[in-house]
Amino acid sequence: MDGQGLIPAVAQETETGEVLMVAWMDREALAKTLATGLAHYWSRERRALWRKGETSGHTQHVDGVFADCDRDTLLVQVHQDGVACHTGARPASSPSSREARRRPRRGRARPSSRWWSACSSRAR
């Protein structure tokens, strides 16, 4: 956590490896995420805890939460209901649904991004 008690959290679609969004978590958001299995984040703008999808219905069901080697960033692997972006758009680099269906299903036990190092560990 940084000096304000926040840590960046990268939300990634478990099945495809698609990066959905980057948000912030505080200790309460992380605790609620782990307790409920639904992604919770801290809004720096509103200065409030929020559950992803609480107004849009586009909920993130958490498959796993991992910390990087120096534990200053979290990877939150999720199953996304609907789209993650508040604009309703998908990321420009996202695979087409047809392309995503062709990809083999990845195990849920380990982060799938190449940049995520082998020294990742569960953030608990």
N, C-alpha and C. Protein backbone atom coordinates (compact mmCIF):
# COMPACT_ATOMS: atom_id res chain seq x y z
N MET A 1 0.86 -1.18 0.00
CA MET A 1 0.00 0.00 0.00
C MET A 1 0.91 1.25 0.00
N ASP A 2 0.42 2.28 -0.66
CA ASP A 2 1.20 3.51 -0.72
C ASP A 2 0.96 4.35 0.54
N GLY A 3 1.44 5.57 0.56
CA GLY A 3 1.29 6.45 1.71
C GLY A 3 -0.14 6.82 2.04
N GLN A 4 -1.04 6.67 1.06
CA GLN A 4 -2.46 6.95 1.28
C GLN A 4 -3.24 5.68 1.59
N GLY A 5 -2.53 4.56 1.72
CA GLY A 5 -3.18 3.30 2.02
C GLY A 5 -3.84 2.65 0.82
N LEU A 6 -3.34 2.98 -0.39
CA LEU A 6 -3.93 2.45 -1.62
C LEU A 6 -2.90 1.61 -2.38
N ILE A 7 -3.43 0.66 -3.17
CA ILE A 7 -2.60 -0.18 -4.02
C ILE A 7 -3.29 -0.30 -5.38
N PRO A 8 -2.54 -0.18 -6.49
CA PRO A 8 -3.16 -0.36 -7.80
C PRO A 8 -3.59 -1.82 -7.99
N ALA A 9 -4.74 -1.99 -8.62
CA ALA A 9 -5.28 -3.32 -8.89
C ALA A 9 -5.62 -3.42 -10.37
N VAL A 10 -5.00 -4.38 -11.03
CA VAL A 10 -5.24 -4.62 -12.46
C VAL A 10 -6.27 -5.74 -12.56
N ALA A 11 -7.44 -5.42 -13.13
CA ALA A 11 -8.48 -6.44 -13.32
C ALA A 11 -8.27 -7.10 -14.68
N GLN A 12 -8.19 -8.43 -14.66
CA GLN A 12 -7.92 -9.21 -15.87
C GLN A 12 -8.98 -10.30 -16.01
N GLU A 13 -9.52 -10.46 -17.22
CA GLU A 13 -10.46 -11.55 -17.50
C GLU A 13 -9.68 -12.86 -17.43
N THR A 14 -10.09 -13.74 -16.54
CA THR A 14 -9.38 -15.00 -16.32
C THR A 14 -9.29 -15.85 -17.57
N GLU A 15 -10.39 -15.98 -18.28
CA GLU A 15 -10.46 -16.88 -19.44
C GLU A 15 -9.58 -16.43 -20.60
N THR A 16 -9.52 -15.14 -20.87
CA THR A 16 -8.83 -14.65 -22.08
C THR A 16 -7.52 -13.94 -21.80
N GLY A 17 -7.29 -13.52 -20.56
CA GLY A 17 -6.10 -12.74 -20.24
C GLY A 17 -6.26 -11.26 -20.56
N GLU A 18 -7.44 -10.85 -21.04
CA GLU A 18 -7.69 -9.45 -21.40
C GLU A 18 -7.61 -8.55 -20.17
N VAL A 19 -6.85 -7.47 -20.27
CA VAL A 19 -6.82 -6.48 -19.19
C VAL A 19 -8.06 -5.62 -19.33
N LEU A 20 -8.87 -5.60 -18.28
CA LEU A 20 -10.16 -4.91 -18.32
C LEU A 20 -10.07 -3.49 -17.80
N MET A 21 -9.33 -3.29 -16.72
CA MET A 21 -9.27 -1.97 -16.11
C MET A 21 -8.17 -1.94 -15.05
N VAL A 22 -7.79 -0.74 -14.66
CA VAL A 22 -6.89 -0.53 -13.54
C VAL A 22 -7.62 0.37 -12.56
N ALA A 23 -7.63 -0.03 -11.31
CA ALA A 23 -8.32 0.74 -10.28
C ALA A 23 -7.46 0.72 -9.02
N TRP A 24 -7.99 1.25 -7.94
CA TRP A 24 -7.28 1.29 -6.67
C TRP A 24 -8.05 0.50 -5.62
N MET A 25 -7.31 -0.12 -4.71
CA MET A 25 -7.91 -0.80 -3.57
C MET A 25 -7.26 -0.26 -2.30
N ASP A 26 -8.07 -0.20 -1.25
CA ASP A 26 -7.53 0.01 0.08
C ASP A 26 -7.73 -1.30 0.84
N ARG A 27 -7.38 -1.34 2.11
CA ARG A 27 -7.50 -2.59 2.87
C ARG A 27 -8.94 -3.09 2.94
N GLU A 28 -9.88 -2.16 3.09
CA GLU A 28 -11.29 -2.55 3.17
C GLU A 28 -11.78 -3.13 1.84
N ALA A 29 -11.39 -2.51 0.73
CA ALA A 29 -11.79 -3.02 -0.58
C ALA A 29 -11.22 -4.42 -0.81
N LEU A 30 -9.97 -4.63 -0.45
CA LEU A 30 -9.36 -5.95 -0.60
C LEU A 30 -10.07 -6.96 0.30
N ALA A 31 -10.35 -6.60 1.54
CA ALA A 31 -11.02 -7.51 2.47
C ALA A 31 -12.42 -7.87 1.96
N LYS A 32 -13.18 -6.89 1.47
CA LYS A 32 -14.53 -7.17 0.95
C LYS A 32 -14.47 -8.03 -0.31
N THR A 33 -13.48 -7.78 -1.14
CA THR A 33 -13.30 -8.58 -2.35
C THR A 33 -13.05 -10.04 -1.98
N LEU A 34 -12.14 -10.27 -1.05
CA LEU A 34 -11.81 -11.63 -0.64
C LEU A 34 -12.98 -12.30 0.08
N ALA A 35 -13.73 -11.52 0.86
CA ALA A 35 -14.84 -12.09 1.63
C ALA A 35 -16.06 -12.41 0.77
N THR A 36 -16.33 -11.58 -0.25
CA THR A 36 -17.57 -11.74 -1.02
C THR A 36 -17.37 -12.42 -2.37
N GLY A 37 -16.14 -12.40 -2.89
CA GLY A 37 -15.91 -12.93 -4.22
C GLY A 37 -16.32 -11.98 -5.33
N LEU A 38 -16.67 -10.75 -4.96
CA LEU A 38 -17.02 -9.69 -5.92
C LEU A 38 -16.00 -8.57 -5.77
N ALA A 39 -15.57 -8.00 -6.89
CA ALA A 39 -14.53 -6.97 -6.87
C ALA A 39 -15.04 -5.67 -6.27
N HIS A 40 -14.30 -5.17 -5.28
CA HIS A 40 -14.55 -3.88 -4.65
C HIS A 40 -13.30 -3.02 -4.83
N TYR A 41 -13.50 -1.74 -5.03
CA TYR A 41 -12.39 -0.82 -5.25
C TYR A 41 -12.60 0.46 -4.45
N TRP A 42 -11.54 1.28 -4.39
CA TRP A 42 -11.60 2.58 -3.74
C TRP A 42 -11.59 3.65 -4.82
N SER A 43 -12.58 4.54 -4.79
CA SER A 43 -12.63 5.65 -5.73
C SER A 43 -11.88 6.83 -5.14
N ARG A 44 -10.78 7.23 -5.79
CA ARG A 44 -10.03 8.41 -5.32
C ARG A 44 -10.84 9.67 -5.56
N GLU A 45 -11.64 9.69 -6.61
CA GLU A 45 -12.44 10.87 -6.93
C GLU A 45 -13.57 11.07 -5.92
N ARG A 46 -14.31 10.01 -5.64
CA ARG A 46 -15.45 10.10 -4.70
C ARG A 46 -15.04 9.88 -3.26
N ARG A 47 -13.81 9.39 -3.07
CA ARG A 47 -13.32 9.05 -1.74
C ARG A 47 -14.27 8.08 -1.04
N ALA A 48 -14.58 7.01 -1.77
CA ALA A 48 -15.53 6.03 -1.25
C ALA A 48 -15.24 4.64 -1.81
N LEU A 49 -15.61 3.65 -1.03
CA LEU A 49 -15.54 2.26 -1.46
C LEU A 49 -16.68 2.00 -2.43
N TRP A 50 -16.44 1.21 -3.47
CA TRP A 50 -17.52 0.85 -4.39
C TRP A 50 -17.33 -0.57 -4.88
N ARG A 51 -18.43 -1.24 -5.16
CA ARG A 51 -18.41 -2.58 -5.73
C ARG A 51 -18.60 -2.45 -7.22
N LYS A 52 -17.72 -3.05 -7.99
CA LYS A 52 -17.83 -2.98 -9.45
C LYS A 52 -19.18 -3.55 -9.87
N GLY A 53 -19.94 -2.76 -10.60
CA GLY A 53 -21.25 -3.19 -11.09
C GLY A 53 -22.41 -2.80 -10.20
N GLU A 54 -22.15 -2.07 -9.10
CA GLU A 54 -23.26 -1.74 -8.20
C GLU A 54 -24.32 -0.87 -8.85
N THR A 55 -23.95 -0.07 -9.84
CA THR A 55 -24.96 0.72 -10.56
C THR A 55 -25.21 0.20 -11.97
N SER A 56 -24.18 -0.32 -12.62
CA SER A 56 -24.31 -0.78 -14.01
C SER A 56 -24.80 -2.22 -14.12
N GLY A 57 -24.58 -3.01 -13.08
CA GLY A 57 -24.88 -4.43 -13.16
C GLY A 57 -23.74 -5.23 -13.78
N HIS A 58 -22.65 -4.57 -14.16
CA HIS A 58 -21.51 -5.23 -14.79
C HIS A 58 -20.52 -5.69 -13.72
N THR A 59 -20.90 -6.70 -13.01
CA THR A 59 -20.18 -7.21 -11.85
C THR A 59 -18.92 -7.98 -12.25
N GLN A 60 -17.92 -7.93 -11.39
CA GLN A 60 -16.72 -8.74 -11.56
C GLN A 60 -16.71 -9.83 -10.49
N HIS A 61 -16.79 -11.09 -10.94
CA HIS A 61 -16.73 -12.24 -10.04
C HIS A 61 -15.27 -12.66 -9.95
N VAL A 62 -14.72 -12.61 -8.76
CA VAL A 62 -13.28 -12.79 -8.57
C VAL A 62 -12.89 -14.26 -8.54
N ASP A 63 -11.91 -14.61 -9.39
CA ASP A 63 -11.35 -15.96 -9.43
C ASP A 63 -10.09 -16.05 -8.58
N GLY A 64 -9.36 -14.95 -8.45
CA GLY A 64 -8.14 -14.95 -7.65
C GLY A 64 -7.55 -13.56 -7.55
N VAL A 65 -6.82 -13.33 -6.47
CA VAL A 65 -6.12 -12.06 -6.25
C VAL A 65 -4.66 -12.41 -5.98
N PHE A 66 -3.77 -11.77 -6.74
CA PHE A 66 -2.35 -12.07 -6.65
C PHE A 66 -1.57 -10.78 -6.48
N ALA A 67 -0.46 -10.86 -5.74
CA ALA A 67 0.44 -9.71 -5.59
C ALA A 67 1.70 -9.97 -6.40
N ASP A 68 2.31 -8.88 -6.89
CA ASP A 68 3.58 -9.06 -7.61
C ASP A 68 4.71 -9.23 -6.59
N CYS A 69 5.94 -9.39 -7.08
CA CYS A 69 7.09 -9.70 -6.22
C CYS A 69 7.29 -8.75 -5.05
N ASP A 70 7.21 -7.46 -5.33
CA ASP A 70 7.43 -6.50 -4.25
C ASP A 70 6.13 -6.04 -3.60
N ARG A 71 5.04 -6.71 -3.96
CA ARG A 71 3.73 -6.54 -3.31
C ARG A 71 3.22 -5.09 -3.37
N ASP A 72 3.50 -4.41 -4.50
CA ASP A 72 3.00 -3.04 -4.64
C ASP A 72 1.94 -2.90 -5.73
N THR A 73 1.52 -4.03 -6.32
CA THR A 73 0.46 -4.06 -7.32
C THR A 73 -0.27 -5.39 -7.18
N LEU A 74 -1.60 -5.34 -7.39
CA LEU A 74 -2.41 -6.55 -7.35
C LEU A 74 -2.92 -6.90 -8.74
N LEU A 75 -3.02 -8.18 -9.02
CA LEU A 75 -3.69 -8.69 -10.19
C LEU A 75 -4.98 -9.35 -9.69
N VAL A 76 -6.12 -8.87 -10.19
CA VAL A 76 -7.41 -9.42 -9.79
C VAL A 76 -7.98 -10.13 -11.01
N GLN A 77 -7.97 -11.46 -10.98
CA GLN A 77 -8.51 -12.22 -12.09
C GLN A 77 -10.00 -12.41 -11.85
N VAL A 78 -10.79 -12.08 -12.89
CA VAL A 78 -12.24 -12.03 -12.75
C VAL A 78 -12.95 -12.64 -13.94
N HIS A 79 -14.22 -12.93 -13.71
CA HIS A 79 -15.17 -13.17 -14.79
C HIS A 79 -16.03 -11.91 -14.83
N GLN A 80 -16.01 -11.20 -15.92
CA GLN A 80 -16.71 -9.92 -16.07
C GLN A 80 -18.10 -10.13 -16.64
N ASP A 81 -19.13 -9.68 -15.93
CA ASP A 81 -20.49 -9.61 -16.48
C ASP A 81 -20.60 -8.30 -17.24
N GLY A 82 -20.87 -8.35 -18.54
CA GLY A 82 -20.96 -7.12 -19.34
C GLY A 82 -19.57 -6.55 -19.57
N VAL A 83 -19.50 -5.24 -19.76
CA VAL A 83 -18.21 -4.59 -20.01
C VAL A 83 -17.69 -3.95 -18.73
N ALA A 84 -16.38 -3.79 -18.64
CA ALA A 84 -15.76 -3.22 -17.46
C ALA A 84 -15.68 -1.70 -17.52
N CYS A 85 -15.52 -1.15 -18.72
CA CYS A 85 -15.30 0.29 -18.87
C CYS A 85 -16.59 1.07 -18.64
N HIS A 86 -16.47 2.17 -17.92
CA HIS A 86 -17.64 3.02 -17.63
C HIS A 86 -18.24 3.65 -18.89
N THR A 87 -17.46 3.65 -20.00
CA THR A 87 -17.99 4.21 -21.25
C THR A 87 -18.80 3.19 -22.03
N GLY A 88 -18.72 1.92 -21.59
CA GLY A 88 -19.41 0.85 -22.30
C GLY A 88 -18.59 0.24 -23.42
N ALA A 89 -17.37 0.75 -23.63
CA ALA A 89 -16.50 0.26 -24.70
C ALA A 89 -15.62 -0.87 -24.19
N ARG A 90 -15.18 -1.71 -25.12
CA ARG A 90 -14.19 -2.72 -24.81
C ARG A 90 -12.83 -2.13 -25.13
N PRO A 91 -11.76 -2.58 -24.47
CA PRO A 91 -10.42 -2.07 -24.77
C PRO A 91 -10.09 -2.27 -26.25
N ALA A 92 -9.34 -1.35 -26.82
CA ALA A 92 -8.99 -1.41 -28.24
C ALA A 92 -8.21 -2.67 -28.57
N SER A 93 -7.48 -3.19 -27.62
CA SER A 93 -6.66 -4.38 -27.89
C SER A 93 -7.37 -5.67 -27.54
N SER A 94 -8.65 -5.61 -27.19
CA SER A 94 -9.33 -6.83 -26.76
C SER A 94 -9.57 -7.77 -27.95
N PRO A 95 -9.47 -9.06 -27.69
CA PRO A 95 -9.71 -10.01 -28.78
C PRO A 95 -11.19 -10.06 -29.12
N SER A 96 -11.49 -10.43 -30.34
CA SER A 96 -12.89 -10.60 -30.71
C SER A 96 -13.44 -11.78 -29.93
N SER A 97 -14.75 -11.86 -29.79
CA SER A 97 -15.33 -12.97 -29.04
C SER A 97 -15.01 -14.30 -29.73
N ARG A 98 -14.94 -14.31 -31.06
CA ARG A 98 -14.60 -15.53 -31.79
C ARG A 98 -13.18 -15.96 -31.47
N GLU A 99 -12.27 -14.98 -31.46
CA GLU A 99 -10.88 -15.26 -31.15
C GLU A 99 -10.75 -15.77 -29.72
N ALA A 100 -11.47 -15.17 -28.79
CA ALA A 100 -11.41 -15.58 -27.39
C ALA A 100 -11.92 -17.00 -27.21
N ARG A 101 -12.95 -17.38 -27.96
CA ARG A 101 -13.49 -18.74 -27.86
C ARG A 101 -12.50 -19.79 -28.34
N ARG A 102 -11.62 -19.42 -29.28
CA ARG A 102 -10.65 -20.37 -29.81
C ARG A 102 -9.49 -20.61 -28.85
N ARG A 103 -9.27 -19.68 -27.95
CA ARG A 103 -8.15 -19.81 -27.03
C ARG A 103 -8.42 -20.92 -26.03
N PRO A 104 -7.39 -21.69 -25.69
CA PRO A 104 -7.60 -22.73 -24.68
C PRO A 104 -7.88 -22.10 -23.33
N ARG A 105 -8.69 -22.75 -22.56
CA ARG A 105 -9.00 -22.26 -21.22
C ARG A 105 -7.76 -22.37 -20.35
N ARG A 106 -7.48 -21.31 -19.64
CA ARG A 106 -6.31 -21.29 -18.77
C ARG A 106 -6.71 -21.70 -17.37
N GLY A 107 -5.77 -22.30 -16.67
CA GLY A 107 -6.02 -22.66 -15.28
C GLY A 107 -6.25 -21.42 -14.43
N ARG A 108 -6.97 -21.56 -13.38
CA ARG A 108 -7.29 -20.42 -12.54
C ARG A 108 -6.32 -20.27 -11.38
N ALA A 109 -5.35 -21.15 -11.27
CA ALA A 109 -4.46 -21.12 -10.12
C ALA A 109 -3.32 -20.12 -10.26
N ARG A 110 -2.97 -19.72 -11.50
CA ARG A 110 -1.84 -18.83 -11.70
C ARG A 110 -2.21 -17.70 -12.63
N PRO A 111 -1.65 -16.51 -12.41
CA PRO A 111 -1.86 -15.42 -13.36
C PRO A 111 -1.30 -15.80 -14.72
N SER A 112 -1.95 -15.32 -15.78
CA SER A 112 -1.53 -15.75 -17.11
C SER A 112 -0.69 -14.71 -17.85
N SER A 113 -0.59 -13.50 -17.39
CA SER A 113 0.18 -12.49 -18.11
C SER A 113 1.66 -12.78 -18.02
N ARG A 114 2.35 -12.61 -19.14
CA ARG A 114 3.79 -12.84 -19.16
C ARG A 114 4.53 -11.88 -18.23
N TRP A 115 4.05 -10.64 -18.14
CA TRP A 115 4.78 -9.66 -17.33
C TRP A 115 4.62 -9.94 -15.85
N TRP A 116 3.68 -10.77 -15.49
CA TRP A 116 3.50 -11.08 -14.07
C TRP A 116 4.50 -12.14 -13.70
N SER A 117 5.35 -11.87 -12.78
CA SER A 117 6.48 -12.76 -12.54
C SER A 117 6.08 -14.04 -11.81
N ALA A 118 6.96 -14.97 -11.88
CA ALA A 118 6.73 -16.27 -11.23
C ALA A 118 6.73 -16.15 -9.72
N CYS A 119 7.19 -15.03 -9.21
CA CYS A 119 7.24 -14.91 -7.76
C CYS A 119 5.93 -14.34 -7.20
N SER A 120 4.89 -14.22 -8.02
CA SER A 120 3.60 -13.75 -7.54
C SER A 120 3.10 -14.68 -6.45
N SER A 121 2.38 -14.08 -5.53
CA SER A 121 1.82 -14.89 -4.45
C SER A 121 0.44 -14.36 -4.12
N ARG A 122 -0.37 -15.20 -3.54
CA ARG A 122 -1.72 -14.77 -3.16
C ARG A 122 -1.63 -13.62 -2.17
N ALA A 123 -2.42 -12.59 -2.39
CA ALA A 123 -2.45 -11.42 -1.49
C ALA A 123 -3.52 -11.66 -0.44
N ARG A 124 -3.11 -12.23 0.62
CA ARG A 124 -4.08 -12.52 1.71
C ARG A 124 -3.51 -12.08 3.02
